[in-house]
Amino acid sequence: MTQAFVQSKIKAGKVAVFIKPSCPYCQSAMSILKKYAFKEGHLEFIDITTQNDMNAIQNYFQQTTGARTVPRVYIGEVCIGGYSDLAALEDQGKLSQELQKIGALQ
């Protein structure tokens, strides 16, 4: 069930960010991504605190990405990591390229 939930959110042309709203790193990741003009439905913030088994979701992230922390940022079907990875992509000027590559931007 956990795997099906996570996989249902990850799509080729979309950015999916699994978050906890009170987490400062999640808030910073959302701020970075909100600077970009996404096509309708191509950016989703998924609040894992509203799920029945948040711990199972984080354990699934550990198994599939090597870390259980949030945010977990997926650009297309690839997990790029967390906030520091997202910020590094932006600092290097590569984030917009990655978003354009998957067709998520207007």
PDB file of N, CA and C in Angstrom:
ATOM      1  N   MET A   1       0.831  -1.198   0.000  1.00  0.00           N
ATOM      2  CA  MET A   1       0.000   0.000   0.000  1.00  0.00           C
ATOM      3  C   MET A   1       0.870   1.253   0.000  1.00  0.00           C
ATOM      4  N   THR A   2       1.904   1.270   0.831  1.00  0.00           N
ATOM      5  CA  THR A   2       2.808   2.417   0.891  1.00  0.00           C
ATOM      6  C   THR A   2       3.493   2.625  -0.455  1.00  0.00           C
ATOM      7  N   GLN A   3       4.022   1.546  -1.019  1.00  0.00           N
ATOM      8  CA  GLN A   3       4.702   1.636  -2.305  1.00  0.00           C
ATOM      9  C   GLN A   3       3.740   2.150  -3.373  1.00  0.00           C
ATOM     10  N   ALA A   4       2.526   1.643  -3.395  1.00  0.00           N
ATOM     11  CA  ALA A   4       1.530   2.063  -4.390  1.00  0.00           C
ATOM     12  C   ALA A   4       1.209   3.551  -4.234  1.00  0.00           C
ATOM     13  N   PHE A   5       1.100   4.024  -2.996  1.00  0.00           N
ATOM     14  CA  PHE A   5       0.823   5.442  -2.756  1.00  0.00           C
ATOM     15  C   PHE A   5       1.946   6.310  -3.311  1.00  0.00           C
ATOM     16  N   VAL A   6       3.185   6.003  -2.946  1.00  0.00           N
ATOM     17  CA  VAL A   6       4.329   6.799  -3.389  1.00  0.00           C
ATOM     18  C   VAL A   6       4.439   6.745  -4.912  1.00  0.00           C
ATOM     19  N   GLN A   7       4.362   5.550  -5.479  1.00  0.00           N
ATOM     20  CA  GLN A   7       4.505   5.395  -6.929  1.00  0.00           C
ATOM     21  C   GLN A   7       3.390   6.103  -7.701  1.00  0.00           C
ATOM     22  N   SER A   8       2.210   6.213  -7.101  1.00  0.00           N
ATOM     23  CA  SER A   8       1.094   6.878  -7.784  1.00  0.00           C
ATOM     24  C   SER A   8       1.340   8.375  -7.943  1.00  0.00           C
ATOM     25  N   LYS A   9       2.235   8.918  -7.146  1.00  0.00           N
ATOM     26  CA  LYS A   9       2.523  10.357  -7.187  1.00  0.00           C
ATOM     27  C   LYS A   9       3.675  10.697  -8.138  1.00  0.00           C
ATOM     28  N   ILE A  10       4.493   9.703  -8.470  1.00  0.00           N
ATOM     29  CA  ILE A  10       5.692   9.935  -9.280  1.00  0.00           C
ATOM     30  C   ILE A  10       5.354   9.672 -10.749  1.00  0.00           C
ATOM     31  N   LYS A  11       5.500  10.727 -11.567  1.00  0.00           N
ATOM     32  CA  LYS A  11       5.182  10.608 -12.985  1.00  0.00           C
ATOM     33  C   LYS A  11       6.271  11.269 -13.818  1.00  0.00           C
ATOM     34  N   ALA A  12       6.412  10.819 -15.057  1.00  0.00           N
ATOM     35  CA  ALA A  12       7.505  11.251 -15.927  1.00  0.00           C
ATOM     36  C   ALA A  12       7.597  12.773 -16.116  1.00  0.00           C
ATOM     37  N   GLY A  13       6.507  13.463 -16.345  1.00  0.00           N
ATOM     38  CA  GLY A  13       6.578  14.885 -16.652  1.00  0.00           C
ATOM     39  C   GLY A  13       6.263  15.796 -15.486  1.00  0.00           C
ATOM     40  N   LYS A  14       6.433  15.297 -14.279  1.00  0.00           N
ATOM     41  CA  LYS A  14       5.961  16.016 -13.103  1.00  0.00           C
ATOM     42  C   LYS A  14       7.049  16.076 -12.026  1.00  0.00           C
ATOM     43  N   VAL A  15       6.942  17.088 -11.172  1.00  0.00           N
ATOM     44  CA  VAL A  15       7.791  17.167  -9.983  1.00  0.00           C
ATOM     45  C   VAL A  15       6.910  16.837  -8.785  1.00  0.00           C
ATOM     46  N   ALA A  16       7.326  15.841  -8.018  1.00  0.00           N
ATOM     47  CA  ALA A  16       6.609  15.435  -6.812  1.00  0.00           C
ATOM     48  C   ALA A  16       7.540  15.641  -5.620  1.00  0.00           C
ATOM     49  N   VAL A  17       7.041  16.350  -4.613  1.00  0.00           N
ATOM     50  CA  VAL A  17       7.849  16.634  -3.432  1.00  0.00           C
ATOM     51  C   VAL A  17       7.078  16.146  -2.208  1.00  0.00           C
ATOM     52  N   PHE A  18       7.639  15.161  -1.530  1.00  0.00           N
ATOM     53  CA  PHE A  18       7.022  14.619  -0.318  1.00  0.00           C
ATOM     54  C   PHE A  18       7.516  15.450   0.854  1.00  0.00           C
ATOM     55  N   ILE A  19       6.572  16.006   1.621  1.00  0.00           N
ATOM     56  CA  ILE A  19       6.914  16.990   2.654  1.00  0.00           C
ATOM     57  C   ILE A  19       6.203  16.727   3.978  1.00  0.00           C
ATOM     58  N   LYS A  20       6.705  17.413   5.003  1.00  0.00           N
ATOM     59  CA  LYS A  20       6.000  17.637   6.259  1.00  0.00           C
ATOM     60  C   LYS A  20       5.899  19.162   6.354  1.00  0.00           C
ATOM     61  N   PRO A  21       4.687  19.718   6.413  1.00  0.00           N
ATOM     62  CA  PRO A  21       4.521  21.171   6.340  1.00  0.00           C
ATOM     63  C   PRO A  21       5.305  21.968   7.389  1.00  0.00           C
ATOM     64  N   SER A  22       5.551  21.398   8.553  1.00  0.00           N
ATOM     65  CA  SER A  22       6.252  22.139   9.606  1.00  0.00           C
ATOM     66  C   SER A  22       7.772  22.096   9.460  1.00  0.00           C
ATOM     67  N   CYS A  23       8.271  21.303   8.518  1.00  0.00           N
ATOM     68  CA  CYS A  23       9.711  21.135   8.335  1.00  0.00           C
ATOM     69  C   CYS A  23      10.309  22.341   7.601  1.00  0.00           C
ATOM     70  N   PRO A  24      11.314  23.002   8.191  1.00  0.00           N
ATOM     71  CA  PRO A  24      11.906  24.169   7.526  1.00  0.00           C
ATOM     72  C   PRO A  24      12.585  23.832   6.198  1.00  0.00           C
ATOM     73  N   TYR A  25      13.160  22.643   6.077  1.00  0.00           N
ATOM     74  CA  TYR A  25      13.773  22.251   4.810  1.00  0.00           C
ATOM     75  C   TYR A  25      12.711  22.050   3.729  1.00  0.00           C
ATOM     76  N   CYS A  26      11.573  21.506   4.122  1.00  0.00           N
ATOM     77  CA  CYS A  26      10.466  21.335   3.182  1.00  0.00           C
ATOM     78  C   CYS A  26       9.953  22.702   2.728  1.00  0.00           C
ATOM     79  N   GLN A  27       9.831  23.630   3.659  1.00  0.00           N
ATOM     80  CA  GLN A  27       9.374  24.978   3.324  1.00  0.00           C
ATOM     81  C   GLN A  27      10.346  25.652   2.358  1.00  0.00           C
ATOM     82  N   SER A  28      11.638  25.470   2.579  1.00  0.00           N
ATOM     83  CA  SER A  28      12.649  26.051   1.692  1.00  0.00           C
ATOM     84  C   SER A  28      12.597  25.421   0.303  1.00  0.00           C
ATOM     85  N   ALA A  29      12.404  24.123   0.243  1.00  0.00           N
ATOM     86  CA  ALA A  29      12.287  23.435  -1.050  1.00  0.00           C
ATOM     87  C   ALA A  29      11.066  23.944  -1.809  1.00  0.00           C
ATOM     88  N   MET A  30       9.950  24.127  -1.105  1.00  0.00           N
ATOM     89  CA  MET A  30       8.751  24.636  -1.753  1.00  0.00           C
ATOM     90  C   MET A  30       8.987  26.048  -2.281  1.00  0.00           C
ATOM     91  N   SER A  31       9.696  26.867  -1.522  1.00  0.00           N
ATOM     92  CA  SER A  31       9.994  28.235  -1.958  1.00  0.00           C
ATOM     93  C   SER A  31      10.809  28.244  -3.251  1.00  0.00           C
ATOM     94  N   ILE A  32      11.807  27.372  -3.337  1.00  0.00           N
ATOM     95  CA  ILE A  32      12.615  27.294  -4.561  1.00  0.00           C
ATOM     96  C   ILE A  32      11.726  26.942  -5.752  1.00  0.00           C
ATOM     97  N   LEU A  33      10.921  25.913  -5.600  1.00  0.00           N
ATOM     98  CA  LEU A  33      10.129  25.430  -6.728  1.00  0.00           C
ATOM     99  C   LEU A  33       9.014  26.392  -7.127  1.00  0.00           C
ATOM    100  N   LYS A  34       8.502  27.156  -6.175  1.00  0.00           N
ATOM    101  CA  LYS A  34       7.420  28.105  -6.480  1.00  0.00           C
ATOM    102  C   LYS A  34       7.902  29.279  -7.328  1.00  0.00           C
ATOM    103  N   LYS A  35       9.207  29.431  -7.497  1.00  0.00           N
ATOM    104  CA  LYS A  35       9.755  30.495  -8.351  1.00  0.00           C
ATOM    105  C   LYS A  35       9.545  30.192  -9.828  1.00  0.00           C
ATOM    106  N   TYR A  36       9.289  28.932 -10.156  1.00  0.00           N
ATOM    107  CA  TYR A  36       9.204  28.500 -11.550  1.00  0.00           C
ATOM    108  C   TYR A  36       7.746  28.445 -12.021  1.00  0.00           C
ATOM    109  N   ALA A  37       7.562  28.702 -13.310  1.00  0.00           N
ATOM    110  CA  ALA A  37       6.223  28.679 -13.910  1.00  0.00           C
ATOM    111  C   ALA A  37       5.923  27.265 -14.421  1.00  0.00           C
ATOM    112  N   PHE A  38       5.337  26.473 -13.558  1.00  0.00           N
ATOM    113  CA  PHE A  38       4.990  25.095 -13.918  1.00  0.00           C
ATOM    114  C   PHE A  38       3.692  25.064 -14.701  1.00  0.00           C
ATOM    115  N   LYS A  39       3.589  24.097 -15.599  1.00  0.00           N
ATOM    116  CA  LYS A  39       2.320  23.822 -16.249  1.00  0.00           C
ATOM    117  C   LYS A  39       1.358  23.319 -15.173  1.00  0.00           C
ATOM    118  N   GLU A  40       0.091  23.532 -15.410  1.00  0.00           N
ATOM    119  CA  GLU A  40      -0.949  23.066 -14.483  1.00  0.00           C
ATOM    120  C   GLU A  40      -0.785  21.576 -14.198  1.00  0.00           C
ATOM    121  N   GLY A  41      -0.721  21.202 -12.916  1.00  0.00           N
ATOM    122  CA  GLY A  41      -0.648  19.795 -12.534  1.00  0.00           C
ATOM    123  C   GLY A  41       0.730  19.151 -12.625  1.00  0.00           C
ATOM    124  N   HIS A  42       1.763  19.940 -12.898  1.00  0.00           N
ATOM    125  CA  HIS A  42       3.102  19.365 -13.054  1.00  0.00           C
ATOM    126  C   HIS A  42       3.998  19.568 -11.833  1.00  0.00           C
ATOM    127  N   LEU A  43       3.432  20.128 -10.768  1.00  0.00           N
ATOM    128  CA  LEU A  43       4.145  20.264  -9.491  1.00  0.00           C
ATOM    129  C   LEU A  43       3.178  19.881  -8.395  1.00  0.00           C
ATOM    130  N   GLU A  44       3.593  18.935  -7.549  1.00  0.00           N
ATOM    131  CA  GLU A  44       2.730  18.509  -6.450  1.00  0.00           C
ATOM    132  C   GLU A  44       3.546  18.378  -5.180  1.00  0.00           C
ATOM    133  N   PHE A  45       3.022  18.995  -4.125  1.00  0.00           N
ATOM    134  CA  PHE A  45       3.586  18.837  -2.790  1.00  0.00           C
ATOM    135  C   PHE A  45       2.689  17.853  -2.051  1.00  0.00           C
ATOM    136  N   ILE A  46       3.262  16.752  -1.604  1.00  0.00           N
ATOM    137  CA  ILE A  46       2.492  15.695  -0.951  1.00  0.00           C
ATOM    138  C   ILE A  46       2.820  15.695   0.536  1.00  0.00           C
ATOM    139  N   ASP A  47       1.828  16.032   1.344  1.00  0.00           N
ATOM    140  CA  ASP A  47       1.979  16.096   2.799  1.00  0.00           C
ATOM    141  C   ASP A  47       1.870  14.684   3.367  1.00  0.00           C
ATOM    142  N   ILE A  48       3.006  14.110   3.785  1.00  0.00           N
ATOM    143  CA  ILE A  48       2.970  12.728   4.286  1.00  0.00           C
ATOM    144  C   ILE A  48       2.403  12.648   5.702  1.00  0.00           C
ATOM    145  N   THR A  49       2.254  13.783   6.402  1.00  0.00           N
ATOM    146  CA  THR A  49       1.691  13.748   7.755  1.00  0.00           C
ATOM    147  C   THR A  49       0.201  13.422   7.728  1.00  0.00           C
ATOM    148  N   THR A  50      -0.439  13.530   6.559  1.00  0.00           N
ATOM    149  CA  THR A  50      -1.867  13.227   6.464  1.00  0.00           C
ATOM    150  C   THR A  50      -2.115  11.752   6.140  1.00  0.00           C
ATOM    151  N   GLN A  51      -1.048  10.999   5.933  1.00  0.00           N
ATOM    152  CA  GLN A  51      -1.181   9.581   5.588  1.00  0.00           C
ATOM    153  C   GLN A  51      -1.246   8.728   6.856  1.00  0.00           C
ATOM    154  N   ASN A  52      -1.900   7.579   6.733  1.00  0.00           N
ATOM    155  CA  ASN A  52      -2.071   6.692   7.884  1.00  0.00           C
ATOM    156  C   ASN A  52      -0.748   6.220   8.462  1.00  0.00           C
ATOM    157  N   ASP A  53       0.205   5.903   7.607  1.00  0.00           N
ATOM    158  CA  ASP A  53       1.464   5.371   8.111  1.00  0.00           C
ATOM    159  C   ASP A  53       2.657   6.144   7.557  1.00  0.00           C
ATOM    160  N   MET A  54       2.855   7.326   8.097  1.00  0.00           N
ATOM    161  CA  MET A  54       3.954   8.198   7.692  1.00  0.00           C
ATOM    162  C   MET A  54       5.298   7.485   7.858  1.00  0.00           C
ATOM    163  N   ASN A  55       5.445   6.729   8.916  1.00  0.00           N
ATOM    164  CA  ASN A  55       6.688   6.006   9.185  1.00  0.00           C
ATOM    165  C   ASN A  55       6.987   5.000   8.074  1.00  0.00           C
ATOM    166  N   ALA A  56       5.967   4.299   7.605  1.00  0.00           N
ATOM    167  CA  ALA A  56       6.147   3.326   6.519  1.00  0.00           C
ATOM    168  C   ALA A  56       6.584   4.031   5.240  1.00  0.00           C
ATOM    169  N   ILE A  57       6.056   5.218   4.992  1.00  0.00           N
ATOM    170  CA  ILE A  57       6.444   5.987   3.809  1.00  0.00           C
ATOM    171  C   ILE A  57       7.923   6.351   3.908  1.00  0.00           C
ATOM    172  N   GLN A  58       8.339   6.822   5.082  1.00  0.00           N
ATOM    173  CA  GLN A  58       9.741   7.185   5.251  1.00  0.00           C
ATOM    174  C   GLN A  58      10.643   5.959   5.190  1.00  0.00           C
ATOM    175  N   ASN A  59      10.191   4.831   5.671  1.00  0.00           N
ATOM    176  CA  ASN A  59      10.969   3.590   5.538  1.00  0.00           C
ATOM    177  C   ASN A  59      11.094   3.188   4.072  1.00  0.00           C
ATOM    178  N   TYR A  60      10.028   3.389   3.304  1.00  0.00           N
ATOM    179  CA  TYR A  60      10.071   3.093   1.875  1.00  0.00           C
ATOM    180  C   TYR A  60      11.088   4.004   1.170  1.00  0.00           C
ATOM    181  N   PHE A  61      11.118   5.277   1.550  1.00  0.00           N
ATOM    182  CA  PHE A  61      12.124   6.193   0.990  1.00  0.00           C
ATOM    183  C   PHE A  61      13.532   5.694   1.312  1.00  0.00           C
ATOM    184  N   GLN A  62      13.735   5.204   2.531  1.00  0.00           N
ATOM    185  CA  GLN A  62      15.047   4.679   2.932  1.00  0.00           C
ATOM    186  C   GLN A  62      15.461   3.532   2.013  1.00  0.00           C
ATOM    187  N   GLN A  63      14.524   2.641   1.746  1.00  0.00           N
ATOM    188  CA  GLN A  63      14.808   1.483   0.895  1.00  0.00           C
ATOM    189  C   GLN A  63      15.093   1.894  -0.551  1.00  0.00           C
ATOM    190  N   THR A  64      14.356   2.873  -1.064  1.00  0.00           N
ATOM    191  CA  THR A  64      14.438   3.195  -2.490  1.00  0.00           C
ATOM    192  C   THR A  64      15.398   4.332  -2.823  1.00  0.00           C
ATOM    193  N   THR A  65      15.660   5.229  -1.845  1.00  0.00           N
ATOM    194  CA  THR A  65      16.502   6.394  -2.150  1.00  0.00           C
ATOM    195  C   THR A  65      17.730   6.498  -1.258  1.00  0.00           C
ATOM    196  N   GLY A  66      17.776   5.682  -0.211  1.00  0.00           N
ATOM    197  CA  GLY A  66      18.915   5.724   0.700  1.00  0.00           C
ATOM    198  C   GLY A  66      18.786   6.722   1.832  1.00  0.00           C
ATOM    199  N   ALA A  67      17.660   7.430   1.892  1.00  0.00           N
ATOM    200  CA  ALA A  67      17.416   8.379   2.989  1.00  0.00           C
ATOM    201  C   ALA A  67      15.928   8.400   3.300  1.00  0.00           C
ATOM    202  N   ARG A  68      15.615   8.574   4.574  1.00  0.00           N
ATOM    203  CA  ARG A  68      14.196   8.602   4.950  1.00  0.00           C
ATOM    204  C   ARG A  68      13.715  10.011   5.266  1.00  0.00           C
ATOM    205  N   THR A  69      14.597  10.982   5.121  1.00  0.00           N
ATOM    206  CA  THR A  69      14.252  12.366   5.455  1.00  0.00           C
ATOM    207  C   THR A  69      13.376  12.997   4.376  1.00  0.00           C
ATOM    208  N   VAL A  70      12.674  14.047   4.779  1.00  0.00           N
ATOM    209  CA  VAL A  70      11.913  14.867   3.840  1.00  0.00           C
ATOM    210  C   VAL A  70      12.525  16.262   3.846  1.00  0.00           C
ATOM    211  N   PRO A  71      12.397  16.984   2.747  1.00  0.00           N
ATOM    212  CA  PRO A  71      11.650  16.595   1.561  1.00  0.00           C
ATOM    213  C   PRO A  71      12.382  15.542   0.739  1.00  0.00           C
ATOM    214  N   ARG A  72      11.619  14.727   0.050  1.00  0.00           N
ATOM    215  CA  ARG A  72      12.125  13.822  -0.995  1.00  0.00           C
ATOM    216  C   ARG A  72      11.611  14.427  -2.296  1.00  0.00           C
ATOM    217  N   VAL A  73      12.522  14.817  -3.153  1.00  0.00           N
ATOM    218  CA  VAL A  73      12.177  15.532  -4.383  1.00  0.00           C
ATOM    219  C   VAL A  73      12.379  14.615  -5.592  1.00  0.00           C
ATOM    220  N   TYR A  74      11.309  14.417  -6.342  1.00  0.00           N
ATOM    221  CA  TYR A  74      11.356  13.626  -7.572  1.00  0.00           C
ATOM    222  C   TYR A  74      11.147  14.561  -8.755  1.00  0.00           C
ATOM    223  N   ILE A  75      12.127  14.589  -9.644  1.00  0.00           N
ATOM    224  CA  ILE A  75      11.976  15.312 -10.900  1.00  0.00           C
ATOM    225  C   ILE A  75      11.755  14.231 -11.948  1.00  0.00           C
ATOM    226  N   GLY A  76      10.535  14.207 -12.458  1.00  0.00           N
ATOM    227  CA  GLY A  76      10.142  13.078 -13.294  1.00  0.00           C
ATOM    228  C   GLY A  76      10.110  11.841 -12.408  1.00  0.00           C
ATOM    229  N   GLU A  77      10.702  10.770 -12.866  1.00  0.00           N
ATOM    230  CA  GLU A  77      10.671   9.524 -12.094  1.00  0.00           C
ATOM    231  C   GLU A  77      11.951   9.294 -11.309  1.00  0.00           C
ATOM    232  N   VAL A  78      12.793  10.331 -11.214  1.00  0.00           N
ATOM    233  CA  VAL A  78      14.077  10.213 -10.538  1.00  0.00           C
ATOM    234  C   VAL A  78      14.078  11.028  -9.250  1.00  0.00           C
ATOM    235  N   CYS A  79      14.448  10.369  -8.155  1.00  0.00           N
ATOM    236  CA  CYS A  79      14.605  11.095  -6.895  1.00  0.00           C
ATOM    237  C   CYS A  79      15.960  11.794  -6.933  1.00  0.00           C
ATOM    238  N   ILE A  80      15.944  13.124  -6.847  1.00  0.00           N
ATOM    239  CA  ILE A  80      17.203  13.868  -6.849  1.00  0.00           C
ATOM    240  C   ILE A  80      17.756  14.025  -5.439  1.00  0.00           C
ATOM    241  N   GLY A  81      16.955  13.688  -4.433  1.00  0.00           N
ATOM    242  CA  GLY A  81      17.394  13.789  -3.045  1.00  0.00           C
ATOM    243  C   GLY A  81      16.489  14.711  -2.252  1.00  0.00           C
ATOM    244  N   GLY A  82      17.116  15.513  -1.391  1.00  0.00           N
ATOM    245  CA  GLY A  82      16.367  16.395  -0.512  1.00  0.00           C
ATOM    246  C   GLY A  82      16.608  17.855  -0.826  1.00  0.00           C
ATOM    247  N   TYR A  83      16.389  18.697   0.189  1.00  0.00           N
ATOM    248  CA  TYR A  83      16.507  20.141  -0.003  1.00  0.00           C
ATOM    249  C   TYR A  83      17.898  20.558  -0.483  1.00  0.00           C
ATOM    250  N   SER A  84      18.953  20.050   0.152  1.00  0.00           N
ATOM    251  CA  SER A  84      20.303  20.492  -0.223  1.00  0.00           C
ATOM    252  C   SER A  84      20.622  20.125  -1.670  1.00  0.00           C
ATOM    253  N   ASP A  85      20.103  18.989  -2.141  1.00  0.00           N
ATOM    254  CA  ASP A  85      20.318  18.577  -3.526  1.00  0.00           C
ATOM    255  C   ASP A  85      19.568  19.507  -4.486  1.00  0.00           C
ATOM    256  N   LEU A  86      18.344  19.862  -4.118  1.00  0.00           N
ATOM    257  CA  LEU A  86      17.548  20.781  -4.921  1.00  0.00           C
ATOM    258  C   LEU A  86      18.216  22.153  -4.980  1.00  0.00           C
ATOM    259  N   ALA A  87      18.659  22.654  -3.824  1.00  0.00           N
ATOM    260  CA  ALA A  87      19.318  23.958  -3.756  1.00  0.00           C
ATOM    261  C   ALA A  87      20.608  23.962  -4.572  1.00  0.00           C
ATOM    262  N   ALA A  88      21.354  22.854  -4.534  1.00  0.00           N
ATOM    263  CA  ALA A  88      22.595  22.766  -5.305  1.00  0.00           C
ATOM    264  C   ALA A  88      22.308  22.822  -6.802  1.00  0.00           C
ATOM    265  N   LEU A  89      21.248  22.128  -7.243  1.00  0.00           N
ATOM    266  CA  LEU A  89      20.878  22.184  -8.661  1.00  0.00           C
ATOM    267  C   LEU A  89      20.540  23.607  -9.075  1.00  0.00           C
ATOM    268  N   GLU A  90      19.810  24.307  -8.207  1.00  0.00           N
ATOM    269  CA  GLU A  90      19.447  25.687  -8.527  1.00  0.00           C
ATOM    270  C   GLU A  90      20.686  26.578  -8.552  1.00  0.00           C
ATOM    271  N   ASP A  91      21.560  26.431  -7.559  1.00  0.00           N
ATOM    272  CA  ASP A  91      22.780  27.246  -7.489  1.00  0.00           C
ATOM    273  C   ASP A  91      23.669  27.039  -8.712  1.00  0.00           C
ATOM    274  N   GLN A  92      23.662  25.841  -9.245  1.00  0.00           N
ATOM    275  CA  GLN A  92      24.482  25.526 -10.429  1.00  0.00           C
ATOM    276  C   GLN A  92      23.790  25.931 -11.729  1.00  0.00           C
ATOM    277  N   GLY A  93      22.570  26.445 -11.621  1.00  0.00           N
ATOM    278  CA  GLY A  93      21.816  26.837 -12.806  1.00  0.00           C
ATOM    279  C   GLY A  93      21.257  25.660 -13.583  1.00  0.00           C
ATOM    280  N   LYS A  94      21.202  24.489 -12.956  1.00  0.00           N
ATOM    281  CA  LYS A  94      20.767  23.275 -13.659  1.00  0.00           C
ATOM    282  C   LYS A  94      19.311  22.906 -13.402  1.00  0.00           C
ATOM    283  N   LEU A  95      18.695  23.522 -12.388  1.00  0.00           N
ATOM    284  CA  LEU A  95      17.329  23.134 -12.037  1.00  0.00           C
ATOM    285  C   LEU A  95      16.360  23.440 -13.173  1.00  0.00           C
ATOM    286  N   SER A  96      16.424  24.636 -13.736  1.00  0.00           N
ATOM    287  CA  SER A  96      15.486  24.978 -14.809  1.00  0.00           C
ATOM    288  C   SER A  96      15.681  24.051 -16.008  1.00  0.00           C
ATOM    289  N   GLN A  97      16.929  23.662 -16.281  1.00  0.00           N
ATOM    290  CA  GLN A  97      17.194  22.731 -17.382  1.00  0.00           C
ATOM    291  C   GLN A  97      16.507  21.388 -17.135  1.00  0.00           C
ATOM    292  N   GLU A  98      16.621  20.905 -15.895  1.00  0.00           N
ATOM    293  CA  GLU A  98      16.002  19.616 -15.564  1.00  0.00           C
ATOM    294  C   GLU A  98      14.475  19.703 -15.666  1.00  0.00           C
ATOM    295  N   LEU A  99      13.918  20.816 -15.226  1.00  0.00           N
ATOM    296  CA  LEU A  99      12.463  20.991 -15.285  1.00  0.00           C
ATOM    297  C   LEU A  99      11.985  21.105 -16.728  1.00  0.00           C
ATOM    298  N   GLN A 100      12.756  21.775 -17.568  1.00  0.00           N
ATOM    299  CA  GLN A 100      12.409  21.875 -18.979  1.00  0.00           C
ATOM    300  C   GLN A 100      12.550  20.523 -19.666  1.00  0.00           C
ATOM    301  N   LYS A 101      13.574  19.772 -19.284  1.00  0.00           N
ATOM    302  CA  LYS A 101      13.835  18.459 -19.887  1.00  0.00           C
ATOM    303  C   LYS A 101      12.636  17.518 -19.742  1.00  0.00           C
ATOM    304  N   ILE A 102      11.944  17.588 -18.600  1.00  0.00           N
ATOM    305  CA  ILE A 102      10.784  16.712 -18.388  1.00  0.00           C
ATOM    306  C   ILE A 102       9.489  17.354 -18.879  1.00  0.00           C
ATOM    307  N   GLY A 103       9.571  18.594 -19.375  1.00  0.00           N
ATOM    308  CA  GLY A 103       8.386  19.253 -19.921  1.00  0.00           C
ATOM    309  C   GLY A 103       7.439  19.791 -18.879  1.00  0.00           C
ATOM    310  N   ALA A 104       7.953  20.129 -17.690  1.00  0.00           N
ATOM    311  CA  ALA A 104       7.078  20.574 -16.601  1.00  0.00           C
ATOM    312  C   ALA A 104       6.811  22.082 -16.595  1.00  0.00           C
ATOM    313  N   LEU A 105       7.627  22.848 -17.321  1.00  0.00           N
ATOM    314  CA  LEU A 105       7.496  24.303 -17.288  1.00  0.00           C
ATOM    315  C   LEU A 105       6.645  24.818 -18.435  1.00  0.00           C
ATOM    316  N   GLN A 106       6.030  25.980 -18.192  1.00  0.00           N
ATOM    317  CA  GLN A 106       5.209  26.634 -19.226  1.00  0.00           C
ATOM    318  C   GLN A 106       6.090  27.177 -20.326  1.00  0.00           C
TER     319      GLN A 106
END
